[in-house]
Amino acid sequence: MIEKRLTEVSGIVIMEIANWVMSDTAPAARAAAKHFPELDQEDCAMHMTNLCISYGLGVRDNTSTKTSYNLKTRSRQTITKTTTPSGDFEEGKEVIGQLRALNKYFSAGNRGSHLTRVQSALSRPELVSIVYPETRVAVCCKLLCCSIINNNVMAALSRVIKLRTHFPVSPAMSDISRL
């Protein structure tokens, strides 16, 4: 069913490779849910998948914020309480931080154009390194997808420009290549 819908929309015939769709924003999730009704997946499930990955990696905590009025100081106070702490994958936050730094490095100026040229030469999809703000729900998923797709291209470029002098890579980064 997905194959048929993608062929109708884009004119490209591809194999069905996905049974689950994730989306970056709520409007995009609703649009994806409308385009692929056979997945029987609600847009909130797409949002929850992103949250679960972020919590599991230890990047984000589930918090609740309450505003109260302090009578002594006669001012409003905002109290943020962690309702669900982030996950047990202790290296996750470090890996995501290094991936953000790496993608930020390759998204700037000439390095971004070099990345695009190498992607073309290697017949890879031209996926620009985008660094989303940490407050975005889908930041981990987008960052992981982009980094996995660009892994070989970034590795080739890093050999050429000796990237290791710019970014000391921790052992946790080897986990990304296993994904």
N, C-alpha and C. Protein backbone atom coordinates (compact mmCIF):
# COMPACT_ATOMS: atom_id res chain seq x y z
N MET A 1 0.81 -1.19 0.00
CA MET A 1 0.00 0.00 0.00
C MET A 1 0.86 1.26 0.00
N ILE A 2 1.93 1.23 0.79
CA ILE A 2 2.81 2.40 0.84
C ILE A 2 3.45 2.61 -0.53
N GLU A 3 3.86 1.48 -1.16
CA GLU A 3 4.48 1.58 -2.49
C GLU A 3 3.56 2.30 -3.46
N LYS A 4 2.29 1.89 -3.47
CA LYS A 4 1.32 2.47 -4.39
C LYS A 4 1.13 3.96 -4.13
N ARG A 5 1.01 4.34 -2.86
CA ARG A 5 0.79 5.75 -2.52
C ARG A 5 2.01 6.60 -2.89
N LEU A 6 3.22 6.11 -2.60
CA LEU A 6 4.43 6.86 -2.96
C LEU A 6 4.57 7.00 -4.47
N THR A 7 4.18 5.97 -5.20
CA THR A 7 4.23 6.03 -6.66
C THR A 7 3.23 7.06 -7.18
N GLU A 8 2.03 7.10 -6.59
CA GLU A 8 1.03 8.09 -6.99
C GLU A 8 1.50 9.52 -6.71
N VAL A 9 2.07 9.73 -5.54
CA VAL A 9 2.46 11.08 -5.13
C VAL A 9 3.71 11.56 -5.84
N SER A 10 4.75 10.71 -5.88
CA SER A 10 6.04 11.17 -6.39
C SER A 10 6.39 10.65 -7.78
N GLY A 11 5.69 9.63 -8.24
CA GLY A 11 6.02 9.06 -9.54
C GLY A 11 7.23 8.15 -9.50
N ILE A 12 7.70 7.83 -8.32
CA ILE A 12 8.87 6.98 -8.15
C ILE A 12 8.40 5.63 -7.63
N VAL A 13 8.86 4.57 -8.28
CA VAL A 13 8.51 3.23 -7.84
C VAL A 13 9.61 2.75 -6.89
N ILE A 14 9.22 2.44 -5.67
CA ILE A 14 10.18 1.94 -4.69
C ILE A 14 9.61 0.74 -3.97
N MET A 15 10.49 0.02 -3.28
CA MET A 15 10.03 -1.11 -2.48
C MET A 15 9.47 -0.59 -1.16
N GLU A 16 8.55 -1.34 -0.61
CA GLU A 16 8.03 -0.97 0.71
C GLU A 16 9.09 -1.31 1.74
N ILE A 17 9.57 -0.29 2.43
CA ILE A 17 10.62 -0.52 3.41
C ILE A 17 10.24 -0.03 4.80
N ALA A 18 9.07 0.52 4.95
CA ALA A 18 8.71 1.08 6.25
C ALA A 18 7.33 0.59 6.68
N ASN A 19 7.24 0.30 7.94
CA ASN A 19 5.95 -0.02 8.53
C ASN A 19 5.57 0.99 9.59
N TRP A 20 6.46 1.92 9.86
CA TRP A 20 6.23 2.93 10.89
C TRP A 20 6.75 4.25 10.37
N VAL A 21 6.00 5.30 10.60
CA VAL A 21 6.38 6.63 10.12
C VAL A 21 6.58 7.53 11.32
N MET A 22 7.65 8.30 11.29
CA MET A 22 7.87 9.32 12.31
C MET A 22 7.84 10.67 11.62
N SER A 23 7.45 11.67 12.35
CA SER A 23 7.38 12.99 11.77
C SER A 23 7.95 14.01 12.73
N ASP A 24 8.38 15.12 12.16
CA ASP A 24 9.07 16.15 12.93
C ASP A 24 8.12 17.06 13.70
N THR A 25 7.05 17.46 13.07
CA THR A 25 6.12 18.39 13.71
C THR A 25 4.71 17.81 13.67
N ALA A 26 3.84 18.35 14.50
CA ALA A 26 2.46 17.86 14.56
C ALA A 26 1.74 18.03 13.22
N PRO A 27 1.84 19.18 12.52
CA PRO A 27 1.17 19.29 11.23
C PRO A 27 1.71 18.28 10.20
N ALA A 28 3.02 18.06 10.21
CA ALA A 28 3.60 17.08 9.29
C ALA A 28 3.15 15.67 9.65
N ALA A 29 3.00 15.39 10.93
CA ALA A 29 2.53 14.07 11.37
C ALA A 29 1.09 13.84 10.91
N ARG A 30 0.25 14.87 11.03
CA ARG A 30 -1.14 14.74 10.56
C ARG A 30 -1.18 14.50 9.05
N ALA A 31 -0.33 15.22 8.31
CA ALA A 31 -0.28 15.05 6.86
C ALA A 31 0.18 13.64 6.50
N ALA A 32 1.20 13.15 7.20
CA ALA A 32 1.70 11.79 6.94
C ALA A 32 0.64 10.75 7.26
N ALA A 33 -0.10 10.96 8.34
CA ALA A 33 -1.16 10.02 8.71
C ALA A 33 -2.27 10.01 7.66
N LYS A 34 -2.55 11.16 7.04
CA LYS A 34 -3.57 11.22 5.99
C LYS A 34 -3.09 10.55 4.71
N HIS A 35 -1.79 10.71 4.38
CA HIS A 35 -1.25 10.14 3.14
C HIS A 35 -1.11 8.62 3.21
N PHE A 36 -0.92 8.08 4.41
CA PHE A 36 -0.72 6.64 4.56
C PHE A 36 -1.72 6.06 5.56
N PRO A 37 -3.00 6.05 5.19
CA PRO A 37 -4.02 5.55 6.13
C PRO A 37 -3.87 4.06 6.42
N GLU A 38 -3.22 3.31 5.52
CA GLU A 38 -3.07 1.87 5.71
C GLU A 38 -2.12 1.53 6.86
N LEU A 39 -1.33 2.49 7.30
CA LEU A 39 -0.44 2.24 8.44
C LEU A 39 -1.22 2.18 9.74
N ASP A 40 -2.44 2.72 9.74
CA ASP A 40 -3.27 2.74 10.93
C ASP A 40 -2.48 3.30 12.12
N GLN A 41 -1.84 4.41 11.86
CA GLN A 41 -0.97 5.04 12.86
C GLN A 41 -1.44 6.47 13.07
N GLU A 42 -1.65 6.82 14.30
CA GLU A 42 -2.09 8.17 14.63
C GLU A 42 -0.90 9.11 14.68
N ASP A 43 -1.17 10.39 14.47
CA ASP A 43 -0.07 11.36 14.50
C ASP A 43 0.56 11.47 15.88
N CYS A 44 -0.20 11.21 16.95
CA CYS A 44 0.39 11.28 18.29
C CYS A 44 1.36 10.13 18.51
N ALA A 45 1.16 9.00 17.83
CA ALA A 45 2.11 7.88 17.94
C ALA A 45 3.46 8.26 17.34
N MET A 46 3.44 9.07 16.28
CA MET A 46 4.69 9.53 15.69
C MET A 46 5.44 10.41 16.68
N HIS A 47 4.69 11.26 17.36
CA HIS A 47 5.26 12.15 18.36
C HIS A 47 5.82 11.34 19.54
N MET A 48 5.08 10.34 19.98
CA MET A 48 5.50 9.51 21.11
C MET A 48 6.77 8.73 20.79
N THR A 49 6.91 8.28 19.54
CA THR A 49 8.13 7.57 19.16
C THR A 49 9.35 8.46 19.33
N ASN A 50 9.25 9.69 18.89
CA ASN A 50 10.36 10.64 19.06
C ASN A 50 10.66 10.87 20.53
N LEU A 51 9.63 11.03 21.34
CA LEU A 51 9.84 11.24 22.78
C LEU A 51 10.49 10.04 23.44
N CYS A 52 10.04 8.84 23.09
CA CYS A 52 10.61 7.63 23.69
C CYS A 52 12.09 7.48 23.35
N ILE A 53 12.44 7.78 22.12
CA ILE A 53 13.85 7.71 21.73
C ILE A 53 14.66 8.74 22.50
N SER A 54 14.15 9.94 22.63
CA SER A 54 14.86 10.99 23.38
C SER A 54 15.01 10.63 24.85
N TYR A 55 13.95 10.10 25.47
CA TYR A 55 14.03 9.70 26.87
C TYR A 55 15.00 8.54 27.04
N GLY A 56 14.92 7.58 26.13
CA GLY A 56 15.78 6.40 26.22
C GLY A 56 17.25 6.73 26.07
N LEU A 57 17.55 7.69 25.22
CA LEU A 57 18.95 8.09 25.03
C LEU A 57 19.47 8.95 26.18
N GLY A 58 18.60 9.40 27.03
CA GLY A 58 19.02 10.23 28.15
C GLY A 58 19.18 11.68 27.79
N VAL A 59 18.59 12.10 26.68
CA VAL A 59 18.74 13.47 26.21
C VAL A 59 17.72 14.40 26.84
N ARG A 60 16.56 13.88 27.16
CA ARG A 60 15.49 14.75 27.64
C ARG A 60 14.76 14.10 28.81
N ASP A 61 14.35 14.93 29.75
CA ASP A 61 13.53 14.50 30.88
C ASP A 61 12.10 14.95 30.63
N ASN A 62 11.16 14.20 31.17
CA ASN A 62 9.76 14.61 31.11
C ASN A 62 9.51 15.51 32.31
N THR A 63 9.20 16.76 32.06
CA THR A 63 9.03 17.73 33.14
C THR A 63 7.64 18.33 33.12
N SER A 64 7.23 18.83 34.27
CA SER A 64 6.00 19.61 34.35
C SER A 64 6.34 20.94 35.01
N THR A 65 5.75 21.99 34.51
CA THR A 65 6.04 23.34 35.00
C THR A 65 4.78 23.94 35.60
N LYS A 66 4.91 24.47 36.79
CA LYS A 66 3.79 25.13 37.45
C LYS A 66 4.22 26.53 37.86
N THR A 67 3.30 27.45 37.74
CA THR A 67 3.56 28.82 38.16
C THR A 67 2.73 29.10 39.41
N SER A 68 3.39 29.64 40.41
CA SER A 68 2.68 29.98 41.65
C SER A 68 3.05 31.41 42.06
N TYR A 69 2.26 31.93 42.95
CA TYR A 69 2.49 33.30 43.42
C TYR A 69 3.03 33.23 44.85
N ASN A 70 4.19 33.83 45.06
CA ASN A 70 4.81 33.87 46.38
C ASN A 70 4.34 35.13 47.10
N LEU A 71 3.62 34.94 48.21
CA LEU A 71 3.06 36.08 48.94
C LEU A 71 4.14 36.91 49.63
N LYS A 72 5.22 36.26 50.07
CA LYS A 72 6.29 36.99 50.77
C LYS A 72 7.03 37.93 49.83
N THR A 73 7.40 37.43 48.68
CA THR A 73 8.16 38.26 47.73
C THR A 73 7.26 39.01 46.77
N ARG A 74 5.97 38.67 46.79
CA ARG A 74 4.98 39.28 45.89
C ARG A 74 5.41 39.17 44.43
N SER A 75 5.80 37.98 44.07
CA SER A 75 6.20 37.73 42.68
C SER A 75 5.79 36.31 42.28
N ARG A 76 5.77 36.10 41.00
CA ARG A 76 5.45 34.77 40.48
C ARG A 76 6.71 33.93 40.47
N GLN A 77 6.53 32.66 40.75
CA GLN A 77 7.64 31.71 40.71
C GLN A 77 7.26 30.57 39.78
N THR A 78 8.20 30.19 38.96
CA THR A 78 8.00 29.05 38.08
C THR A 78 8.77 27.87 38.66
N ILE A 79 8.06 26.79 38.90
CA ILE A 79 8.68 25.60 39.47
C ILE A 79 8.61 24.48 38.43
N THR A 80 9.77 23.96 38.06
CA THR A 80 9.84 22.86 37.11
C THR A 80 10.21 21.59 37.86
N LYS A 81 9.41 20.56 37.66
CA LYS A 81 9.60 19.30 38.37
C LYS A 81 9.77 18.18 37.34
N THR A 82 10.76 17.32 37.55
CA THR A 82 10.97 16.18 36.66
C THR A 82 9.99 15.09 37.06
N THR A 83 9.09 14.75 36.14
CA THR A 83 8.11 13.70 36.42
C THR A 83 8.64 12.33 36.00
N THR A 84 9.39 12.27 34.91
CA THR A 84 10.01 11.04 34.46
C THR A 84 11.45 11.35 34.07
N PRO A 85 12.43 10.81 34.80
CA PRO A 85 13.81 11.08 34.43
C PRO A 85 14.18 10.38 33.13
N SER A 86 15.22 10.87 32.48
CA SER A 86 15.64 10.27 31.21
C SER A 86 16.20 8.88 31.44
N GLY A 87 16.45 8.18 30.33
CA GLY A 87 16.81 6.77 30.36
C GLY A 87 18.19 6.44 30.88
N ASP A 88 18.49 5.14 30.84
CA ASP A 88 19.72 4.62 31.41
C ASP A 88 20.91 4.60 30.46
N PHE A 89 20.71 4.92 29.21
CA PHE A 89 21.81 4.91 28.25
C PHE A 89 22.67 6.14 28.52
N GLU A 90 23.64 5.98 29.42
CA GLU A 90 24.41 7.11 29.92
C GLU A 90 25.22 7.82 28.83
N GLU A 91 25.67 7.06 27.84
CA GLU A 91 26.49 7.66 26.79
C GLU A 91 25.65 8.34 25.73
N GLY A 92 24.34 8.16 25.78
CA GLY A 92 23.46 8.70 24.75
C GLY A 92 23.55 10.20 24.60
N LYS A 93 23.54 10.90 25.71
CA LYS A 93 23.61 12.35 25.66
C LYS A 93 24.93 12.82 25.06
N GLU A 94 26.01 12.13 25.41
CA GLU A 94 27.33 12.47 24.86
C GLU A 94 27.38 12.21 23.35
N VAL A 95 26.83 11.09 22.92
CA VAL A 95 26.81 10.75 21.49
C VAL A 95 25.99 11.78 20.72
N ILE A 96 24.82 12.13 21.22
CA ILE A 96 23.98 13.12 20.55
C ILE A 96 24.69 14.46 20.50
N GLY A 97 25.36 14.84 21.59
CA GLY A 97 26.11 16.09 21.60
C GLY A 97 27.21 16.11 20.56
N GLN A 98 27.93 15.00 20.42
CA GLN A 98 28.99 14.93 19.42
C GLN A 98 28.43 14.92 18.00
N LEU A 99 27.30 14.24 17.82
CA LEU A 99 26.67 14.26 16.49
C LEU A 99 26.19 15.66 16.13
N ARG A 100 25.66 16.38 17.11
CA ARG A 100 25.24 17.77 16.87
C ARG A 100 26.44 18.61 16.44
N ALA A 101 27.56 18.45 17.15
CA ALA A 101 28.77 19.21 16.82
C ALA A 101 29.28 18.85 15.43
N LEU A 102 29.25 17.56 15.11
CA LEU A 102 29.72 17.10 13.80
C LEU A 102 28.83 17.63 12.68
N ASN A 103 27.51 17.53 12.86
CA ASN A 103 26.59 18.04 11.85
C ASN A 103 26.67 19.55 11.72
N LYS A 104 26.88 20.23 12.83
CA LYS A 104 27.04 21.68 12.78
C LYS A 104 28.31 22.05 12.01
N TYR A 105 29.37 21.29 12.23
CA TYR A 105 30.63 21.52 11.53
C TYR A 105 30.45 21.38 10.02
N PHE A 106 29.73 20.33 9.61
CA PHE A 106 29.54 20.07 8.18
C PHE A 106 28.42 20.89 7.56
N SER A 107 27.66 21.62 8.34
CA SER A 107 26.58 22.42 7.76
C SER A 107 27.04 23.84 7.44
N ALA A 108 28.23 24.20 7.86
CA ALA A 108 28.70 25.58 7.69
C ALA A 108 29.48 25.77 6.39
N GLY A 109 29.16 26.82 5.68
CA GLY A 109 29.93 27.33 4.54
C GLY A 109 30.45 26.31 3.55
N ASN A 110 31.77 26.37 3.32
CA ASN A 110 32.40 25.51 2.32
C ASN A 110 32.27 24.04 2.66
N ARG A 111 32.30 23.71 3.95
CA ARG A 111 32.19 22.30 4.33
C ARG A 111 30.84 21.74 3.92
N GLY A 112 29.79 22.54 3.99
CA GLY A 112 28.47 22.10 3.55
C GLY A 112 28.44 21.84 2.06
N SER A 113 29.10 22.70 1.28
CA SER A 113 29.13 22.48 -0.18
C SER A 113 30.02 21.29 -0.52
N HIS A 114 31.11 21.08 0.24
CA HIS A 114 31.94 19.89 0.02
C HIS A 114 31.13 18.63 0.29
N LEU A 115 30.34 18.66 1.36
CA LEU A 115 29.51 17.51 1.72
C LEU A 115 28.55 17.18 0.58
N THR A 116 27.91 18.19 0.02
CA THR A 116 26.97 17.98 -1.08
C THR A 116 27.67 17.42 -2.31
N ARG A 117 28.86 17.93 -2.64
CA ARG A 117 29.60 17.42 -3.81
C ARG A 117 30.02 15.97 -3.63
N VAL A 118 30.48 15.62 -2.44
CA VAL A 118 30.89 14.23 -2.18
C VAL A 118 29.67 13.31 -2.21
N GLN A 119 28.54 13.77 -1.69
CA GLN A 119 27.31 12.98 -1.75
C GLN A 119 26.94 12.69 -3.21
N SER A 120 27.05 13.68 -4.06
CA SER A 120 26.73 13.50 -5.48
C SER A 120 27.71 12.52 -6.12
N ALA A 121 28.99 12.68 -5.82
CA ALA A 121 30.02 11.81 -6.42
C ALA A 121 29.85 10.36 -5.98
N LEU A 122 29.39 10.14 -4.76
CA LEU A 122 29.21 8.78 -4.25
C LEU A 122 27.79 8.25 -4.49
N SER A 123 26.99 8.99 -5.26
CA SER A 123 25.59 8.63 -5.54
C SER A 123 24.79 8.42 -4.26
N ARG A 124 25.01 9.27 -3.30
CA ARG A 124 24.27 9.25 -2.05
C ARG A 124 23.17 10.30 -2.10
N PRO A 125 22.13 10.14 -1.31
CA PRO A 125 21.11 11.19 -1.27
C PRO A 125 21.72 12.47 -0.70
N GLU A 126 21.37 13.58 -1.31
CA GLU A 126 21.90 14.86 -0.84
C GLU A 126 21.10 15.31 0.37
N LEU A 127 21.60 14.96 1.51
CA LEU A 127 20.95 15.28 2.77
C LEU A 127 21.81 16.29 3.51
N VAL A 128 21.31 17.48 3.63
CA VAL A 128 22.05 18.56 4.27
C VAL A 128 22.11 18.31 5.77
N SER A 129 23.25 18.59 6.36
CA SER A 129 23.40 18.47 7.81
C SER A 129 22.66 19.62 8.47
N ILE A 130 21.56 19.31 9.12
CA ILE A 130 20.75 20.32 9.78
C ILE A 130 20.87 20.11 11.28
N VAL A 131 21.09 21.17 11.99
CA VAL A 131 21.17 21.07 13.45
C VAL A 131 19.94 21.77 14.02
N TYR A 132 19.02 20.95 14.52
CA TYR A 132 17.79 21.48 15.11
C TYR A 132 18.05 21.93 16.54
N PRO A 133 17.25 22.87 17.03
CA PRO A 133 17.38 23.25 18.44
C PRO A 133 17.05 22.07 19.34
N GLU A 134 17.66 22.01 20.50
CA GLU A 134 17.45 20.88 21.41
C GLU A 134 16.02 20.79 21.92
N THR A 135 15.26 21.86 21.81
CA THR A 135 13.88 21.84 22.30
C THR A 135 12.93 21.12 21.35
N ARG A 136 13.34 20.89 20.10
CA ARG A 136 12.48 20.17 19.16
C ARG A 136 12.34 18.72 19.59
N VAL A 137 11.16 18.19 19.49
CA VAL A 137 10.91 16.82 19.91
C VAL A 137 11.68 15.82 19.06
N ALA A 138 11.74 16.05 17.77
CA ALA A 138 12.34 15.08 16.86
C ALA A 138 13.84 15.29 16.66
N VAL A 139 14.48 16.05 17.53
CA VAL A 139 15.88 16.37 17.30
C VAL A 139 16.75 15.12 17.26
N CYS A 140 16.53 14.16 18.13
CA CYS A 140 17.37 12.95 18.16
C CYS A 140 17.15 12.10 16.92
N CYS A 141 15.89 11.89 16.55
CA CYS A 141 15.59 11.05 15.39
C CYS A 141 16.15 11.66 14.11
N LYS A 142 15.94 12.95 13.91
CA LYS A 142 16.45 13.61 12.70
C LYS A 142 17.97 13.57 12.67
N LEU A 143 18.57 13.81 13.82
CA LEU A 143 20.03 13.83 13.91
C LEU A 143 20.60 12.44 13.63
N LEU A 144 20.00 11.41 14.21
CA LEU A 144 20.47 10.05 13.97
C LEU A 144 20.28 9.64 12.51
N CYS A 145 19.12 9.93 11.94
CA CYS A 145 18.88 9.58 10.53
C CYS A 145 19.87 10.28 9.61
N CYS A 146 20.04 11.56 9.80
CA CYS A 146 20.96 12.34 8.97
C CYS A 146 22.39 11.84 9.13
N SER A 147 22.79 11.53 10.35
CA SER A 147 24.16 11.08 10.61
C SER A 147 24.42 9.69 10.05
N ILE A 148 23.43 8.81 10.13
CA ILE A 148 23.61 7.47 9.58
C ILE A 148 23.71 7.53 8.06
N ILE A 149 22.85 8.32 7.43
CA ILE A 149 22.89 8.43 5.97
C ILE A 149 24.19 9.08 5.50
N ASN A 150 24.65 10.10 6.23
CA ASN A 150 25.86 10.82 5.84
C ASN A 150 27.14 10.23 6.42
N ASN A 151 27.06 9.10 7.11
CA ASN A 151 28.20 8.53 7.81
C ASN A 151 29.41 8.34 6.89
N ASN A 152 29.23 7.65 5.76
CA ASN A 152 30.35 7.38 4.86
C ASN A 152 30.91 8.65 4.24
N VAL A 153 30.03 9.57 3.90
CA VAL A 153 30.48 10.82 3.29
C VAL A 153 31.28 11.64 4.29
N MET A 154 30.77 11.74 5.52
CA MET A 154 31.49 12.50 6.54
C MET A 154 32.83 11.83 6.88
N ALA A 155 32.85 10.50 6.87
CA ALA A 155 34.11 9.79 7.14
C ALA A 155 35.12 10.08 6.04
N ALA A 156 34.67 10.07 4.78
CA ALA A 156 35.58 10.37 3.67
C ALA A 156 36.11 11.79 3.77
N LEU A 157 35.24 12.73 4.06
CA LEU A 157 35.67 14.12 4.20
C LEU A 157 36.58 14.32 5.40
N SER A 158 36.30 13.62 6.48
CA SER A 158 37.12 13.80 7.68
C SER A 158 38.54 13.29 7.46
N ARG A 159 38.71 12.27 6.62
CA ARG A 159 40.07 11.81 6.30
C ARG A 159 40.81 12.87 5.51
N VAL A 160 40.10 13.54 4.63
CA VAL A 160 40.73 14.56 3.80
C VAL A 160 41.12 15.79 4.62
N ILE A 161 40.22 16.24 5.48
CA ILE A 161 40.50 17.49 6.21
C ILE A 161 41.00 17.25 7.63
N LYS A 162 41.29 15.98 7.93
CA LYS A 162 41.82 15.62 9.25
C LYS A 162 40.94 16.18 10.37
N LEU A 163 39.70 15.72 10.36
CA LEU A 163 38.68 16.21 11.29
C LEU A 163 39.03 15.93 12.74
N ARG A 164 39.78 14.88 12.99
CA ARG A 164 40.08 14.50 14.37
C ARG A 164 40.82 15.61 15.12
N THR A 165 41.49 16.49 14.41
CA THR A 165 42.15 17.60 15.10
C THR A 165 41.12 18.60 15.59
N HIS A 166 39.95 18.65 14.93
CA HIS A 166 38.89 19.58 15.34
C HIS A 166 37.98 18.98 16.41
N PHE A 167 37.71 17.67 16.30
CA PHE A 167 36.79 17.00 17.21
C PHE A 167 37.43 15.75 17.77
N PRO A 168 37.82 15.75 19.04
CA PRO A 168 38.26 14.49 19.64
C PRO A 168 37.05 13.58 19.78
N VAL A 169 37.10 12.40 19.19
CA VAL A 169 35.95 11.50 19.16
C VAL A 169 36.04 10.51 20.31
N SER A 170 34.97 10.40 21.08
CA SER A 170 34.95 9.47 22.21
C SER A 170 34.59 8.07 21.73
N PRO A 171 34.87 7.05 22.55
CA PRO A 171 34.51 5.68 22.17
C PRO A 171 33.01 5.50 21.96
N ALA A 172 32.20 6.34 22.58
CA ALA A 172 30.75 6.22 22.44
C ALA A 172 30.30 6.47 21.01
N MET A 173 31.08 7.22 20.24
CA MET A 173 30.71 7.50 18.85
C MET A 173 30.72 6.25 18.00
N SER A 174 31.46 5.22 18.39
CA SER A 174 31.47 3.98 17.61
C SER A 174 30.10 3.30 17.65
N ASP A 175 29.28 3.63 18.65
CA ASP A 175 27.93 3.08 18.72
C ASP A 175 27.08 3.51 17.53
N ILE A 176 27.34 4.68 16.98
CA ILE A 176 26.56 5.18 15.86
C ILE A 176 26.76 4.30 14.64
N SER A 177 27.98 3.86 14.38
CA SER A 177 28.21 3.04 13.20
C SER A 177 27.54 1.68 13.33
N ARG A 178 27.29 1.23 14.57
CA ARG A 178 26.60 -0.04 14.76
C ARG A 178 25.10 0.08 14.57
N LEU A 179 24.57 1.31 14.61
CA LEU A 179 23.12 1.50 14.43
C LEU A 179 22.75 1.13 13.02
